[in-house]
Amino acid sequence: MPAPAVVAENLRKRYGETQALDGLDLTVAPGAVHGLLGPNGAGKTTAVRVLTTLLRPDSGHASVAGCDVLRQPADVRQKIGLVGQNAAVDELLSGRQNLVMFGRLYHLGVAAARRRADELLERFRLADTGGKPVSKYSGGMRRRLDLAAGLIMAPAVLFLDEPTTGLDPRGRNDVWDAVRSLAAGGTTVVLTTQYLEEADQLAGRISVIDHGRVIAEGTPDSLKRQIGADRIDVVVRHTADVPAAAALLARVAGATAETLPEQRRVSAPVRDRMAALAALVPALTAEGIDAEDVVLRRPTLDEVFLQLTDKKEVVA
């Protein structure tokens, strides 16, 4: 088996009275997109700062791309890329000039920096706009340029901290396509995000972090299975029918039904999806409950978070 790209063992870090990391363990396979998700203040950003040598842990051990983050920080920095929440490019320069500048900062020769800039502009679909000032770029184009800058030295591991914050749906899709392309090319990606859909779309494996430690880990599907395989949602036409619909769904599903009165929605997990659905629809009609929609679906990562972290609001 190939060696893990990232390993963290019993990492601890305290800021005054706040225990940011409390024995965090993490293993990331090479070539994977690994998501770090959890409530605000869970320790995700602190973990990334430790793994990228920007912060020393109080105790514990970590290695990235085979290099110890404490004993070999310079070697780690040579093998990683880091893209933060805010674009680090110069708006007055063109996209190409930005990438050449980053190449020179990494001690590439002028010719090598220009070649690398052209390669990355082509890879991230920016070749046609590489000569324009970044101030003329859309949000999605800027983030793609930021990703390109993080890949100047073809890092073995790329850390992305909320890469699509503030982008519109088109910009998010552009960045998602870029991340998928990186993973397909063999780059290991460690991703933190506030969008659960993003983790669901991109990450092959997810670590849920809360209070400075990993509380659950697995594929998106395996995490969803922890709270039940499938769910049935019923949206009724009249708010007054929500309690009756919830009671009926609970009987059919054999489980407690959750209600969202403001959405006129009730939901419950089911074991035998088709049998439950076949029993529910005629029962709604028999009891005179007017349903606008009946949906059979998989649990969402939002629901996984709500159960695992016991929070009323899901953020990352």
C-alpha atoms as a PDB file:
ATOM      1  CA  MET A   1       0.000   0.000   0.000  1.00  0.00           C
ATOM      2  CA  PRO A   2       1.293   3.499  -0.810  1.00  0.00           C
ATOM      3  CA  ALA A   3       2.232   5.673   2.148  1.00  0.00           C
ATOM      4  CA  PRO A   4      -0.396   8.203   3.294  1.00  0.00           C
ATOM      5  CA  ALA A   5      -0.017  11.727   1.930  1.00  0.00           C
ATOM      6  CA  VAL A   6      -0.961  13.287   5.276  1.00  0.00           C
ATOM      7  CA  VAL A   7      -0.735  11.834   8.770  1.00  0.00           C
ATOM      8  CA  ALA A   8      -1.644  13.577  12.025  1.00  0.00           C
ATOM      9  CA  GLU A   9      -1.415  11.808  15.364  1.00  0.00           C
ATOM     10  CA  ASN A  10      -2.757  13.196  18.646  1.00  0.00           C
ATOM     11  CA  LEU A  11      -2.294  16.845  17.631  1.00  0.00           C
ATOM     12  CA  ARG A  12      -2.988  19.331  20.397  1.00  0.00           C
ATOM     13  CA  LYS A  13      -3.013  23.119  20.308  1.00  0.00           C
ATOM     14  CA  ARG A  14      -4.324  25.569  22.891  1.00  0.00           C
ATOM     15  CA  TYR A  15      -4.952  29.308  22.558  1.00  0.00           C
ATOM     16  CA  GLY A  16      -5.256  30.581  26.104  1.00  0.00           C
ATOM     17  CA  GLU A  17      -8.335  28.897  27.544  1.00  0.00           C
ATOM     18  CA  THR A  18      -9.415  27.501  24.160  1.00  0.00           C
ATOM     19  CA  GLN A  19      -8.374  23.968  23.233  1.00  0.00           C
ATOM     20  CA  ALA A  20      -8.328  24.309  19.427  1.00  0.00           C
ATOM     21  CA  LEU A  21      -6.962  20.798  18.790  1.00  0.00           C
ATOM     22  CA  ASP A  22      -7.626  18.097  21.342  1.00  0.00           C
ATOM     23  CA  GLY A  23      -5.921  14.918  20.176  1.00  0.00           C
ATOM     24  CA  LEU A  24      -6.737  15.188  16.463  1.00  0.00           C
ATOM     25  CA  ASP A  25      -5.911  12.123  14.339  1.00  0.00           C
ATOM     26  CA  LEU A  26      -6.060  12.232  10.561  1.00  0.00           C
ATOM     27  CA  THR A  27      -4.895  10.096   7.657  1.00  0.00           C
ATOM     28  CA  VAL A  28      -5.247  11.185   4.028  1.00  0.00           C
ATOM     29  CA  ALA A  29      -4.607   8.746   1.191  1.00  0.00           C
ATOM     30  CA  PRO A  30      -2.438   9.878  -1.746  1.00  0.00           C
ATOM     31  CA  GLY A  31      -4.327  11.182  -4.755  1.00  0.00           C
ATOM     32  CA  ALA A  32      -7.552  11.640  -2.774  1.00  0.00           C
ATOM     33  CA  VAL A  33      -9.799  14.630  -2.178  1.00  0.00           C
ATOM     34  CA  HIS A  34     -10.308  14.613   1.589  1.00  0.00           C
ATOM     35  CA  GLY A  35     -12.832  16.971   3.167  1.00  0.00           C
ATOM     36  CA  LEU A  36     -12.490  18.515   6.628  1.00  0.00           C
ATOM     37  CA  LEU A  37     -15.915  19.541   7.886  1.00  0.00           C
ATOM     38  CA  GLY A  38     -17.287  20.662  11.204  1.00  0.00           C
ATOM     39  CA  PRO A  39     -18.971  23.475  13.115  1.00  0.00           C
ATOM     40  CA  ASN A  40     -17.414  26.914  13.257  1.00  0.00           C
ATOM     41  CA  GLY A  41     -14.493  26.856  15.686  1.00  0.00           C
ATOM     42  CA  ALA A  42     -14.140  23.067  15.474  1.00  0.00           C
ATOM     43  CA  GLY A  43     -10.393  23.254  14.765  1.00  0.00           C
ATOM     44  CA  LYS A  44     -10.270  22.792  10.983  1.00  0.00           C
ATOM     45  CA  THR A  45      -8.266  25.923  10.211  1.00  0.00           C
ATOM     46  CA  THR A  46      -5.879  25.268  13.092  1.00  0.00           C
ATOM     47  CA  ALA A  47      -5.293  21.754  11.761  1.00  0.00           C
ATOM     48  CA  VAL A  48      -4.507  23.107   8.292  1.00  0.00           C
ATOM     49  CA  ARG A  49      -2.117  25.690   9.742  1.00  0.00           C
ATOM     50  CA  VAL A  50      -0.253  22.978  11.629  1.00  0.00           C
ATOM     51  CA  LEU A  51      -0.081  20.707   8.581  1.00  0.00           C
ATOM     52  CA  THR A  52       1.234  23.533   6.393  1.00  0.00           C
ATOM     53  CA  THR A  53       3.919  24.510   8.976  1.00  0.00           C
ATOM     54  CA  LEU A  54       2.330  27.902   9.700  1.00  0.00           C
ATOM     55  CA  LEU A  55       1.684  26.917  13.317  1.00  0.00           C
ATOM     56  CA  ARG A  56       3.492  24.661  15.770  1.00  0.00           C
ATOM     57  CA  PRO A  57       1.349  22.205  17.734  1.00  0.00           C
ATOM     58  CA  ASP A  58       1.763  21.974  21.475  1.00  0.00           C
ATOM     59  CA  SER A  59       2.169  18.204  21.136  1.00  0.00           C
ATOM     60  CA  GLY A  60       1.595  15.365  18.736  1.00  0.00           C
ATOM     61  CA  HIS A  61       3.096  14.379  15.418  1.00  0.00           C
ATOM     62  CA  ALA A  62       2.292  15.200  11.797  1.00  0.00           C
ATOM     63  CA  SER A  63       3.839  14.481   8.428  1.00  0.00           C
ATOM     64  CA  VAL A  64       2.949  15.655   4.934  1.00  0.00           C
ATOM     65  CA  ALA A  65       4.263  13.970   1.782  1.00  0.00           C
ATOM     66  CA  GLY A  66       6.604  11.919   3.964  1.00  0.00           C
ATOM     67  CA  CYS A  67       8.159  14.932   5.725  1.00  0.00           C
ATOM     68  CA  ASP A  68       7.800  15.762   9.410  1.00  0.00           C
ATOM     69  CA  VAL A  69       6.153  19.178   9.834  1.00  0.00           C
ATOM     70  CA  LEU A  70       8.276  20.008  12.898  1.00  0.00           C
ATOM     71  CA  ARG A  71      11.663  18.548  11.949  1.00  0.00           C
ATOM     72  CA  GLN A  72      11.483  19.190   8.187  1.00  0.00           C
ATOM     73  CA  PRO A  73       9.323  22.295   7.681  1.00  0.00           C
ATOM     74  CA  ALA A  74      11.296  23.529   4.661  1.00  0.00           C
ATOM     75  CA  ASP A  75      10.871  20.162   2.938  1.00  0.00           C
ATOM     76  CA  VAL A  76       7.135  20.202   3.662  1.00  0.00           C
ATOM     77  CA  ARG A  77       6.800  23.663   2.118  1.00  0.00           C
ATOM     78  CA  GLN A  78       8.524  22.460  -1.036  1.00  0.00           C
ATOM     79  CA  LYS A  79       5.939  19.710  -1.448  1.00  0.00           C
ATOM     80  CA  ILE A  80       2.666  21.516  -0.683  1.00  0.00           C
ATOM     81  CA  GLY A  81       0.449  24.235  -2.056  1.00  0.00           C
ATOM     82  CA  LEU A  82      -1.915  26.349   0.027  1.00  0.00           C
ATOM     83  CA  VAL A  83      -4.896  28.317  -1.269  1.00  0.00           C
ATOM     84  CA  GLY A  84      -6.579  30.393   1.423  1.00  0.00           C
ATOM     85  CA  GLN A  85     -10.046  31.892   1.633  1.00  0.00           C
ATOM     86  CA  ASN A  86      -8.992  35.180   0.031  1.00  0.00           C
ATOM     87  CA  ALA A  87      -7.382  35.385  -3.390  1.00  0.00           C
ATOM     88  CA  ALA A  88      -3.665  36.134  -3.108  1.00  0.00           C
ATOM     89  CA  VAL A  89      -3.212  37.495  -6.629  1.00  0.00           C
ATOM     90  CA  ASP A  90      -2.349  41.067  -7.629  1.00  0.00           C
ATOM     91  CA  GLU A  91      -5.279  42.750  -9.385  1.00  0.00           C
ATOM     92  CA  LEU A  92      -3.052  45.239 -11.209  1.00  0.00           C
ATOM     93  CA  LEU A  93      -1.071  42.497 -12.948  1.00  0.00           C
ATOM     94  CA  SER A  94      -2.352  40.207 -15.649  1.00  0.00           C
ATOM     95  CA  GLY A  95      -3.070  36.575 -14.900  1.00  0.00           C
ATOM     96  CA  ARG A  96       0.105  35.536 -16.696  1.00  0.00           C
ATOM     97  CA  GLN A  97       2.221  38.158 -14.881  1.00  0.00           C
ATOM     98  CA  ASN A  98       0.888  36.913 -11.552  1.00  0.00           C
ATOM     99  CA  LEU A  99       1.897  33.335 -12.280  1.00  0.00           C
ATOM    100  CA  VAL A 100       5.324  34.364 -13.564  1.00  0.00           C
ATOM    101  CA  MET A 101       5.828  36.395 -10.374  1.00  0.00           C
ATOM    102  CA  PHE A 102       4.917  33.397  -8.211  1.00  0.00           C
ATOM    103  CA  GLY A 103       7.292  31.242 -10.232  1.00  0.00           C
ATOM    104  CA  ARG A 104      10.126  33.682  -9.659  1.00  0.00           C
ATOM    105  CA  LEU A 105       9.325  33.773  -5.927  1.00  0.00           C
ATOM    106  CA  TYR A 106       9.796  29.989  -5.986  1.00  0.00           C
ATOM    107  CA  HIS A 107      13.234  30.596  -7.547  1.00  0.00           C
ATOM    108  CA  LEU A 108      12.341  29.423 -11.032  1.00  0.00           C
ATOM    109  CA  GLY A 109      14.355  30.990 -13.823  1.00  0.00           C
ATOM    110  CA  VAL A 110      12.619  33.542 -16.047  1.00  0.00           C
ATOM    111  CA  ALA A 111      12.109  31.127 -18.930  1.00  0.00           C
ATOM    112  CA  ALA A 112      10.947  28.315 -16.646  1.00  0.00           C
ATOM    113  CA  ALA A 113       8.524  30.633 -14.834  1.00  0.00           C
ATOM    114  CA  ARG A 114       7.017  31.756 -18.134  1.00  0.00           C
ATOM    115  CA  ARG A 115       6.647  28.182 -19.373  1.00  0.00           C
ATOM    116  CA  ARG A 116       4.976  27.125 -16.138  1.00  0.00           C
ATOM    117  CA  ALA A 117       2.635  30.133 -16.253  1.00  0.00           C
ATOM    118  CA  ASP A 118       1.534  29.241 -19.783  1.00  0.00           C
ATOM    119  CA  GLU A 119       0.983  25.592 -18.801  1.00  0.00           C
ATOM    120  CA  LEU A 120      -1.220  26.558 -15.864  1.00  0.00           C
ATOM    121  CA  LEU A 121      -3.206  29.164 -17.789  1.00  0.00           C
ATOM    122  CA  GLU A 122      -4.030  26.481 -20.344  1.00  0.00           C
ATOM    123  CA  ARG A 123      -4.866  23.916 -17.671  1.00  0.00           C
ATOM    124  CA  PHE A 124      -7.286  26.225 -15.882  1.00  0.00           C
ATOM    125  CA  ARG A 125      -8.925  27.565 -19.044  1.00  0.00           C
ATOM    126  CA  LEU A 126      -7.418  31.026 -18.643  1.00  0.00           C
ATOM    127  CA  ALA A 127      -5.160  31.108 -21.696  1.00  0.00           C
ATOM    128  CA  ASP A 128      -7.458  33.493 -23.595  1.00  0.00           C
ATOM    129  CA  THR A 129      -7.598  35.947 -20.710  1.00  0.00           C
ATOM    130  CA  GLY A 130      -4.061  35.523 -19.374  1.00  0.00           C
ATOM    131  CA  GLY A 131      -3.028  38.924 -20.739  1.00  0.00           C
ATOM    132  CA  LYS A 132      -5.869  40.823 -19.050  1.00  0.00           C
ATOM    133  CA  PRO A 133      -5.549  42.525 -15.639  1.00  0.00           C
ATOM    134  CA  VAL A 134      -6.955  40.391 -12.833  1.00  0.00           C
ATOM    135  CA  SER A 135      -9.236  43.321 -11.940  1.00  0.00           C
ATOM    136  CA  LYS A 136     -11.216  42.380 -15.056  1.00  0.00           C
ATOM    137  CA  TYR A 137     -11.642  38.746 -13.970  1.00  0.00           C
ATOM    138  CA  SER A 138     -14.852  37.266 -12.594  1.00  0.00           C
ATOM    139  CA  GLY A 139     -14.839  35.710  -9.121  1.00  0.00           C
ATOM    140  CA  GLY A 140     -14.575  32.205 -10.563  1.00  0.00           C
ATOM    141  CA  MET A 141     -11.684  33.204 -12.821  1.00  0.00           C
ATOM    142  CA  ARG A 142      -9.811  34.712  -9.876  1.00  0.00           C
ATOM    143  CA  ARG A 143     -10.211  31.567  -7.828  1.00  0.00           C
ATOM    144  CA  ARG A 144      -9.009  29.443 -10.740  1.00  0.00           C
ATOM    145  CA  LEU A 145      -5.988  31.728 -11.021  1.00  0.00           C
ATOM    146  CA  ASP A 146      -5.431  31.377  -7.272  1.00  0.00           C
ATOM    147  CA  LEU A 147      -5.526  27.592  -7.658  1.00  0.00           C
ATOM    148  CA  ALA A 148      -3.047  27.843 -10.500  1.00  0.00           C
ATOM    149  CA  ALA A 149      -0.709  29.905  -8.301  1.00  0.00           C
ATOM    150  CA  GLY A 150      -0.868  27.186  -5.663  1.00  0.00           C
ATOM    151  CA  LEU A 151       0.346  24.677  -8.248  1.00  0.00           C
ATOM    152  CA  ILE A 152       3.396  26.537  -9.518  1.00  0.00           C
ATOM    153  CA  MET A 153       5.724  23.892  -8.069  1.00  0.00           C
ATOM    154  CA  ALA A 154       3.380  20.939  -8.852  1.00  0.00           C
ATOM    155  CA  PRO A 155       2.813  20.138  -5.150  1.00  0.00           C
ATOM    156  CA  ALA A 156       2.165  16.615  -3.979  1.00  0.00           C
ATOM    157  CA  VAL A 157      -0.490  17.917  -1.553  1.00  0.00           C
ATOM    158  CA  LEU A 158      -2.722  20.963  -2.055  1.00  0.00           C
ATOM    159  CA  PHE A 159      -4.594  22.481   0.903  1.00  0.00           C
ATOM    160  CA  LEU A 160      -7.746  24.417  -0.023  1.00  0.00           C
ATOM    161  CA  ASP A 161      -9.377  26.508   2.681  1.00  0.00           C
ATOM    162  CA  GLU A 162     -12.978  27.240   1.650  1.00  0.00           C
ATOM    163  CA  PRO A 163     -12.058  27.751  -2.026  1.00  0.00           C
ATOM    164  CA  THR A 164     -15.516  28.835  -3.243  1.00  0.00           C
ATOM    165  CA  THR A 165     -16.573  31.235  -0.495  1.00  0.00           C
ATOM    166  CA  GLY A 166     -18.469  34.150  -2.017  1.00  0.00           C
ATOM    167  CA  LEU A 167     -18.697  32.718  -5.531  1.00  0.00           C
ATOM    168  CA  ASP A 168     -21.882  32.477  -7.559  1.00  0.00           C
ATOM    169  CA  PRO A 169     -23.016  29.015  -8.799  1.00  0.00           C
ATOM    170  CA  ARG A 170     -21.118  29.369 -12.100  1.00  0.00           C
ATOM    171  CA  GLY A 171     -17.912  30.299 -10.290  1.00  0.00           C
ATOM    172  CA  ARG A 172     -18.333  27.414  -7.845  1.00  0.00           C
ATOM    173  CA  ASN A 173     -18.776  24.965 -10.706  1.00  0.00           C
ATOM    174  CA  ASP A 174     -15.623  26.301 -12.354  1.00  0.00           C
ATOM    175  CA  VAL A 175     -13.609  25.706  -9.186  1.00  0.00           C
ATOM    176  CA  TRP A 176     -15.190  22.266  -8.683  1.00  0.00           C
ATOM    177  CA  ASP A 177     -14.125  21.281 -12.200  1.00  0.00           C
ATOM    178  CA  ALA A 178     -10.602  22.476 -11.446  1.00  0.00           C
ATOM    179  CA  VAL A 179     -10.419  20.465  -8.214  1.00  0.00           C
ATOM    180  CA  ARG A 180     -11.671  17.332  -9.989  1.00  0.00           C
ATOM    181  CA  SER A 181      -9.004  17.846 -12.645  1.00  0.00           C
ATOM    182  CA  LEU A 182      -6.309  18.124  -9.960  1.00  0.00           C
ATOM    183  CA  ALA A 183      -7.419  14.908  -8.302  1.00  0.00           C
ATOM    184  CA  ALA A 184      -7.566  13.117 -11.649  1.00  0.00           C
ATOM    185  CA  GLY A 185      -3.973  14.205 -12.220  1.00  0.00           C
ATOM    186  CA  GLY A 186      -2.826  12.618  -8.951  1.00  0.00           C
ATOM    187  CA  THR A 187      -2.677  15.663  -6.657  1.00  0.00           C
ATOM    188  CA  THR A 188      -3.820  15.016  -3.091  1.00  0.00           C
ATOM    189  CA  VAL A 189      -6.339  17.691  -2.055  1.00  0.00           C
ATOM    190  CA  VAL A 190      -7.261  18.512   1.551  1.00  0.00           C
ATOM    191  CA  LEU A 191     -10.400  20.637   1.448  1.00  0.00           C
ATOM    192  CA  THR A 192     -12.193  22.661   4.103  1.00  0.00           C
ATOM    193  CA  THR A 193     -15.529  24.108   3.082  1.00  0.00           C
ATOM    194  CA  GLN A 194     -18.645  25.725   4.493  1.00  0.00           C
ATOM    195  CA  TYR A 195     -20.737  24.174   1.718  1.00  0.00           C
ATOM    196  CA  LEU A 196     -21.819  20.635   2.530  1.00  0.00           C
ATOM    197  CA  GLU A 197     -22.872  20.080  -1.066  1.00  0.00           C
ATOM    198  CA  GLU A 198     -19.306  20.884  -2.061  1.00  0.00           C
ATOM    199  CA  ALA A 199     -17.887  18.149   0.153  1.00  0.00           C
ATOM    200  CA  ASP A 200     -20.517  15.747  -1.141  1.00  0.00           C
ATOM    201  CA  GLN A 201     -19.575  16.563  -4.740  1.00  0.00           C
ATOM    202  CA  LEU A 202     -15.783  16.555  -4.394  1.00  0.00           C
ATOM    203  CA  ALA A 203     -14.551  14.560  -1.414  1.00  0.00           C
ATOM    204  CA  GLY A 204     -14.024  10.834  -1.617  1.00  0.00           C
ATOM    205  CA  ARG A 205     -13.580  10.776   2.151  1.00  0.00           C
ATOM    206  CA  ILE A 206     -14.655  13.186   4.876  1.00  0.00           C
ATOM    207  CA  SER A 207     -13.448  13.786   8.424  1.00  0.00           C
ATOM    208  CA  VAL A 208     -15.993  15.471  10.679  1.00  0.00           C
ATOM    209  CA  ILE A 209     -14.193  17.594  13.279  1.00  0.00           C
ATOM    210  CA  ASP A 210     -15.720  18.960  16.462  1.00  0.00           C
ATOM    211  CA  HIS A 211     -14.062  20.369  19.583  1.00  0.00           C
ATOM    212  CA  GLY A 212     -10.611  19.765  18.120  1.00  0.00           C
ATOM    213  CA  ARG A 213     -10.891  16.081  17.285  1.00  0.00           C
ATOM    214  CA  VAL A 214     -12.256  13.834  14.548  1.00  0.00           C
ATOM    215  CA  ILE A 215     -15.630  12.511  15.671  1.00  0.00           C
ATOM    216  CA  ALA A 216     -16.571  10.642  12.477  1.00  0.00           C
ATOM    217  CA  GLU A 217     -14.902   9.685   9.237  1.00  0.00           C
ATOM    218  CA  GLY A 218     -15.820   7.906   6.044  1.00  0.00           C
ATOM    219  CA  THR A 219     -17.136   8.340   2.539  1.00  0.00           C
ATOM    220  CA  PRO A 220     -20.108  10.674   2.092  1.00  0.00           C
ATOM    221  CA  ASP A 221     -22.364   7.651   1.599  1.00  0.00           C
ATOM    222  CA  SER A 222     -21.086   5.826   4.672  1.00  0.00           C
ATOM    223  CA  LEU A 223     -21.629   8.915   6.827  1.00  0.00           C
ATOM    224  CA  LYS A 224     -25.166   9.246   5.513  1.00  0.00           C
ATOM    225  CA  ARG A 225     -25.853   5.609   6.330  1.00  0.00           C
ATOM    226  CA  GLN A 226     -25.066   6.324   9.976  1.00  0.00           C
ATOM    227  CA  ILE A 227     -28.404   8.129  10.312  1.00  0.00           C
ATOM    228  CA  GLY A 228     -30.450   5.738   8.165  1.00  0.00           C
ATOM    229  CA  ALA A 229     -30.308   4.505   4.607  1.00  0.00           C
ATOM    230  CA  ASP A 230     -33.201   6.400   3.001  1.00  0.00           C
ATOM    231  CA  ARG A 231     -35.773   9.008   3.972  1.00  0.00           C
ATOM    232  CA  ILE A 232     -39.260   9.934   2.849  1.00  0.00           C
ATOM    233  CA  ASP A 233     -40.249  13.605   2.730  1.00  0.00           C
ATOM    234  CA  VAL A 234     -43.885  14.650   2.510  1.00  0.00           C
ATOM    235  CA  VAL A 235     -44.934  18.220   1.742  1.00  0.00           C
ATOM    236  CA  VAL A 236     -48.597  18.871   2.556  1.00  0.00           C
ATOM    237  CA  ARG A 237     -50.734  21.596   1.020  1.00  0.00           C
ATOM    238  CA  HIS A 238     -52.064  22.904   4.355  1.00  0.00           C
ATOM    239  CA  THR A 239     -49.990  23.634   7.468  1.00  0.00           C
ATOM    240  CA  ALA A 240     -52.786  22.294   9.650  1.00  0.00           C
ATOM    241  CA  ASP A 241     -52.175  18.821   8.174  1.00  0.00           C
ATOM    242  CA  VAL A 242     -48.539  18.659   9.320  1.00  0.00           C
ATOM    243  CA  PRO A 243     -49.237  16.864  12.657  1.00  0.00           C
ATOM    244  CA  ALA A 244     -51.499  14.261  11.022  1.00  0.00           C
ATOM    245  CA  ALA A 245     -49.006  13.688   8.229  1.00  0.00           C
ATOM    246  CA  ALA A 246     -46.205  13.270  10.769  1.00  0.00           C
ATOM    247  CA  ALA A 247     -48.182  10.706  12.745  1.00  0.00           C
ATOM    248  CA  LEU A 248     -49.052   8.776   9.592  1.00  0.00           C
ATOM    249  CA  LEU A 249     -45.492   8.811   8.292  1.00  0.00           C
ATOM    250  CA  ALA A 250     -44.199   7.647  11.676  1.00  0.00           C
ATOM    251  CA  ARG A 251     -46.535   4.634  11.571  1.00  0.00           C
ATOM    252  CA  VAL A 252     -45.575   3.691   8.029  1.00  0.00           C
ATOM    253  CA  ALA A 253     -41.834   4.230   8.564  1.00  0.00           C
ATOM    254  CA  GLY A 254     -41.679   2.767  12.071  1.00  0.00           C
ATOM    255  CA  ALA A 255     -39.568   5.727  13.157  1.00  0.00           C
ATOM    256  CA  THR A 256     -40.002   9.206  14.587  1.00  0.00           C
ATOM    257  CA  ALA A 257     -40.970  11.771  11.955  1.00  0.00           C
ATOM    258  CA  GLU A 258     -39.340  15.187  11.978  1.00  0.00           C
ATOM    259  CA  THR A 259     -41.497  18.199  11.158  1.00  0.00           C
ATOM    260  CA  LEU A 260     -40.742  21.544   9.518  1.00  0.00           C
ATOM    261  CA  PRO A 261     -44.098  23.343   9.845  1.00  0.00           C
ATOM    262  CA  GLU A 262     -42.874  26.508   8.102  1.00  0.00           C
ATOM    263  CA  GLN A 263     -42.126  24.376   5.022  1.00  0.00           C
ATOM    264  CA  ARG A 264     -45.199  22.149   5.535  1.00  0.00           C
ATOM    265  CA  ARG A 265     -42.765  19.228   5.433  1.00  0.00           C
ATOM    266  CA  VAL A 266     -42.414  16.022   7.444  1.00  0.00           C
ATOM    267  CA  SER A 267     -39.556  13.549   7.088  1.00  0.00           C
ATOM    268  CA  ALA A 268     -38.635  10.121   8.455  1.00  0.00           C
ATOM    269  CA  PRO A 269     -36.013   7.393   7.821  1.00  0.00           C
ATOM    270  CA  VAL A 270     -37.224   4.146   6.233  1.00  0.00           C
ATOM    271  CA  ARG A 271     -35.689   0.693   5.961  1.00  0.00           C
ATOM    272  CA  ASP A 272     -37.730  -0.759   3.084  1.00  0.00           C
ATOM    273  CA  ARG A 273     -37.998   2.219   0.771  1.00  0.00           C
ATOM    274  CA  MET A 274     -40.406   0.816  -1.806  1.00  0.00           C
ATOM    275  CA  ALA A 275     -42.724  -0.853   0.709  1.00  0.00           C
ATOM    276  CA  ALA A 276     -42.929   2.333   2.768  1.00  0.00           C
ATOM    277  CA  LEU A 277     -43.617   4.469  -0.280  1.00  0.00           C
ATOM    278  CA  ALA A 278     -46.299   2.061  -1.560  1.00  0.00           C
ATOM    279  CA  ALA A 279     -48.064   2.107   1.818  1.00  0.00           C
ATOM    280  CA  LEU A 280     -47.782   5.847   2.393  1.00  0.00           C
ATOM    281  CA  VAL A 281     -49.418   7.276  -0.721  1.00  0.00           C
ATOM    282  CA  PRO A 282     -52.822   5.516  -0.398  1.00  0.00           C
ATOM    283  CA  ALA A 283     -52.794   6.107   3.373  1.00  0.00           C
ATOM    284  CA  LEU A 284     -52.463   9.863   2.825  1.00  0.00           C
ATOM    285  CA  THR A 285     -55.464   9.755   0.490  1.00  0.00           C
ATOM    286  CA  ALA A 286     -57.489   7.615   2.903  1.00  0.00           C
ATOM    287  CA  GLU A 287     -56.954  10.105   5.735  1.00  0.00           C
ATOM    288  CA  GLY A 288     -57.799  13.089   3.557  1.00  0.00           C
ATOM    289  CA  ILE A 289     -54.313  14.615   3.725  1.00  0.00           C
ATOM    290  CA  ASP A 290     -53.597  16.654   0.589  1.00  0.00           C
ATOM    291  CA  ALA A 291     -49.923  16.113  -0.293  1.00  0.00           C
ATOM    292  CA  GLU A 292     -48.153  18.393  -2.747  1.00  0.00           C
ATOM    293  CA  ASP A 293     -45.053  16.203  -2.945  1.00  0.00           C
ATOM    294  CA  VAL A 294     -43.780  12.851  -1.720  1.00  0.00           C
ATOM    295  CA  VAL A 295     -40.050  12.269  -2.180  1.00  0.00           C
ATOM    296  CA  LEU A 296     -37.832   9.259  -1.472  1.00  0.00           C
ATOM    297  CA  ARG A 297     -34.237  10.358  -0.972  1.00  0.00           C
ATOM    298  CA  ARG A 298     -30.891   9.687   0.657  1.00  0.00           C
ATOM    299  CA  PRO A 299     -29.953  11.612   3.828  1.00  0.00           C
ATOM    300  CA  THR A 300     -27.981  14.813   3.285  1.00  0.00           C
ATOM    301  CA  LEU A 301     -24.666  15.767   4.856  1.00  0.00           C
ATOM    302  CA  ASP A 302     -26.577  18.556   6.608  1.00  0.00           C
ATOM    303  CA  GLU A 303     -28.528  15.908   8.499  1.00  0.00           C
ATOM    304  CA  VAL A 304     -25.333  13.990   9.262  1.00  0.00           C
ATOM    305  CA  PHE A 305     -23.824  17.164  10.737  1.00  0.00           C
ATOM    306  CA  LEU A 306     -26.863  17.964  12.791  1.00  0.00           C
ATOM    307  CA  GLN A 307     -26.800  14.518  14.358  1.00  0.00           C
ATOM    308  CA  LEU A 308     -23.045  14.170  14.818  1.00  0.00           C
ATOM    309  CA  THR A 309     -22.375  17.625  16.209  1.00  0.00           C
ATOM    310  CA  ASP A 310     -25.791  18.211  17.837  1.00  0.00           C
ATOM    311  CA  LYS A 311     -25.957  21.772  16.518  1.00  0.00           C
ATOM    312  CA  LYS A 312     -28.979  23.727  15.396  1.00  0.00           C
ATOM    313  CA  GLU A 313     -27.007  25.414  12.662  1.00  0.00           C
ATOM    314  CA  VAL A 314     -24.631  23.638  10.300  1.00  0.00           C
ATOM    315  CA  VAL A 315     -21.571  25.655   9.340  1.00  0.00           C
ATOM    316  CA  ALA A 316     -17.968  24.828   8.567  1.00  0.00           C
END
